[in-house]
Amino acid sequence: MTDTPALPSVHLDCWTKEYWTTTTRYYVAEIMQDLWGTWVLRRSWGGLDSHRGSSKIIAAKDYDHALKLLEEVAKQRKARHYTRIP
């Protein structure tokens, strides 16, 4: 009998997404887990009137670290005069 590797623990209830906009731009930050259960912060941005944009994924040490990364993004968005969309 072979040992099967343990599946990663997925916590969908902890995933979160935040949105910000200006008159011409959007920004989205999401805390989620990847296929291996690692917490990541995915940032996406672009123009509201164009199909141009990009995204970046940053691995976090744990869920608390991902929350701190999200707080930093929120501070940056506020400093750049983005409005948070509830």
C-alpha atoms as a PDB file:
ATOM      1  CA  MET A   1       0.000   0.000   0.000  1.00  0.00           C
ATOM      2  CA  THR A   2       1.406   3.396  -0.967  1.00  0.00           C
ATOM      3  CA  ASP A   3       1.076   6.555   1.057  1.00  0.00           C
ATOM      4  CA  THR A   4      -0.819   9.308  -0.697  1.00  0.00           C
ATOM      5  CA  PRO A   5       0.189  12.865   0.013  1.00  0.00           C
ATOM      6  CA  ALA A   6      -2.175  14.895   2.166  1.00  0.00           C
ATOM      7  CA  LEU A   7      -4.356  17.348   0.296  1.00  0.00           C
ATOM      8  CA  PRO A   8      -3.867  21.018   1.182  1.00  0.00           C
ATOM      9  CA  SER A   9      -6.378  22.584   3.516  1.00  0.00           C
ATOM     10  CA  VAL A  10      -8.531  25.097   1.625  1.00  0.00           C
ATOM     11  CA  HIS A  11     -10.293  27.867   3.558  1.00  0.00           C
ATOM     12  CA  LEU A  12     -12.733  29.488   1.118  1.00  0.00           C
ATOM     13  CA  ASP A  13     -14.373  31.458   3.927  1.00  0.00           C
ATOM     14  CA  CYS A  14     -11.118  33.430   4.404  1.00  0.00           C
ATOM     15  CA  TRP A  15     -10.737  34.445   0.761  1.00  0.00           C
ATOM     16  CA  THR A  16     -11.392  38.139   0.209  1.00  0.00           C
ATOM     17  CA  LYS A  17     -11.473  40.638  -2.647  1.00  0.00           C
ATOM     18  CA  GLU A  18     -11.290  44.434  -2.607  1.00  0.00           C
ATOM     19  CA  TYR A  19     -11.912  46.926  -5.440  1.00  0.00           C
ATOM     20  CA  TRP A  20     -10.748  50.514  -6.002  1.00  0.00           C
ATOM     21  CA  THR A  21     -11.337  52.917  -8.883  1.00  0.00           C
ATOM     22  CA  THR A  22     -10.501  56.376 -10.128  1.00  0.00           C
ATOM     23  CA  THR A  23     -12.290  58.085 -12.990  1.00  0.00           C
ATOM     24  CA  THR A  24     -10.198  56.147 -15.518  1.00  0.00           C
ATOM     25  CA  ARG A  25      -8.529  53.226 -13.688  1.00  0.00           C
ATOM     26  CA  TYR A  26      -9.416  50.148 -11.613  1.00  0.00           C
ATOM     27  CA  TYR A  27      -7.482  48.084  -9.094  1.00  0.00           C
ATOM     28  CA  VAL A  28      -8.405  44.740  -7.515  1.00  0.00           C
ATOM     29  CA  ALA A  29      -6.610  42.901  -4.700  1.00  0.00           C
ATOM     30  CA  GLU A  30      -7.555  39.359  -3.693  1.00  0.00           C
ATOM     31  CA  ILE A  31      -6.381  37.067  -0.923  1.00  0.00           C
ATOM     32  CA  MET A  32      -6.750  33.443  -1.978  1.00  0.00           C
ATOM     33  CA  GLN A  33      -4.995  30.095  -1.903  1.00  0.00           C
ATOM     34  CA  ASP A  34      -3.219  28.485  -4.817  1.00  0.00           C
ATOM     35  CA  LEU A  35      -3.468  24.788  -5.757  1.00  0.00           C
ATOM     36  CA  TRP A  36      -0.985  23.822  -3.044  1.00  0.00           C
ATOM     37  CA  GLY A  37      -2.797  25.702  -0.269  1.00  0.00           C
ATOM     38  CA  THR A  38      -0.300  28.593  -0.151  1.00  0.00           C
ATOM     39  CA  TRP A  39      -1.831  31.971   0.662  1.00  0.00           C
ATOM     40  CA  VAL A  40      -1.293  34.515  -2.110  1.00  0.00           C
ATOM     41  CA  LEU A  41      -2.181  38.125  -2.862  1.00  0.00           C
ATOM     42  CA  ARG A  42      -3.285  38.649  -6.446  1.00  0.00           C
ATOM     43  CA  ARG A  43      -3.279  42.256  -7.686  1.00  0.00           C
ATOM     44  CA  SER A  44      -4.953  43.252 -10.956  1.00  0.00           C
ATOM     45  CA  TRP A  45      -5.176  46.714 -12.519  1.00  0.00           C
ATOM     46  CA  GLY A  46      -5.978  48.503 -15.740  1.00  0.00           C
ATOM     47  CA  GLY A  47      -7.974  51.147 -17.542  1.00  0.00           C
ATOM     48  CA  LEU A  48     -11.743  51.334 -17.319  1.00  0.00           C
ATOM     49  CA  ASP A  49     -12.108  52.297 -20.987  1.00  0.00           C
ATOM     50  CA  SER A  50      -9.588  49.854 -22.430  1.00  0.00           C
ATOM     51  CA  HIS A  51      -8.812  46.163 -22.462  1.00  0.00           C
ATOM     52  CA  ARG A  52      -5.314  46.834 -21.205  1.00  0.00           C
ATOM     53  CA  GLY A  53      -4.266  45.734 -17.762  1.00  0.00           C
ATOM     54  CA  SER A  54      -2.041  43.393 -15.867  1.00  0.00           C
ATOM     55  CA  SER A  55      -1.811  41.331 -12.706  1.00  0.00           C
ATOM     56  CA  LYS A  56       0.749  40.084 -10.257  1.00  0.00           C
ATOM     57  CA  ILE A  57       0.651  37.285  -7.686  1.00  0.00           C
ATOM     58  CA  ILE A  58       2.691  37.469  -4.485  1.00  0.00           C
ATOM     59  CA  ALA A  59       3.094  34.425  -2.199  1.00  0.00           C
ATOM     60  CA  ALA A  60       2.521  35.121   1.492  1.00  0.00           C
ATOM     61  CA  LYS A  61       4.061  33.283   4.446  1.00  0.00           C
ATOM     62  CA  ASP A  62       0.622  32.657   5.959  1.00  0.00           C
ATOM     63  CA  TYR A  63      -2.869  34.153   6.107  1.00  0.00           C
ATOM     64  CA  ASP A  64      -1.857  36.931   8.522  1.00  0.00           C
ATOM     65  CA  HIS A  65       0.982  37.952   6.211  1.00  0.00           C
ATOM     66  CA  ALA A  66      -1.473  38.075   3.285  1.00  0.00           C
ATOM     67  CA  LEU A  67      -3.724  40.397   5.321  1.00  0.00           C
ATOM     68  CA  LYS A  68      -0.765  42.704   6.010  1.00  0.00           C
ATOM     69  CA  LEU A  69       0.050  42.776   2.286  1.00  0.00           C
ATOM     70  CA  LEU A  70      -3.578  43.702   1.551  1.00  0.00           C
ATOM     71  CA  GLU A  71      -3.415  46.515   4.125  1.00  0.00           C
ATOM     72  CA  GLU A  72      -0.327  47.901   2.360  1.00  0.00           C
ATOM     73  CA  VAL A  73      -2.155  47.827  -0.972  1.00  0.00           C
ATOM     74  CA  ALA A  74      -5.102  49.682   0.596  1.00  0.00           C
ATOM     75  CA  LYS A  75      -2.759  52.385   1.924  1.00  0.00           C
ATOM     76  CA  GLN A  76      -1.151  52.769  -1.507  1.00  0.00           C
ATOM     77  CA  ARG A  77      -4.524  53.032  -3.241  1.00  0.00           C
ATOM     78  CA  LYS A  78      -5.689  55.683  -0.755  1.00  0.00           C
ATOM     79  CA  ALA A  79      -2.468  57.665  -1.271  1.00  0.00           C
ATOM     80  CA  ARG A  80      -3.093  57.591  -5.021  1.00  0.00           C
ATOM     81  CA  HIS A  81      -6.666  58.883  -4.566  1.00  0.00           C
ATOM     82  CA  TYR A  82      -8.473  55.679  -5.515  1.00  0.00           C
ATOM     83  CA  THR A  83     -11.984  55.181  -4.116  1.00  0.00           C
ATOM     84  CA  ARG A  84     -12.743  51.844  -2.465  1.00  0.00           C
ATOM     85  CA  ILE A  85     -15.832  50.111  -3.830  1.00  0.00           C
ATOM     86  CA  PRO A  86     -17.734  48.184  -1.092  1.00  0.00           C
END
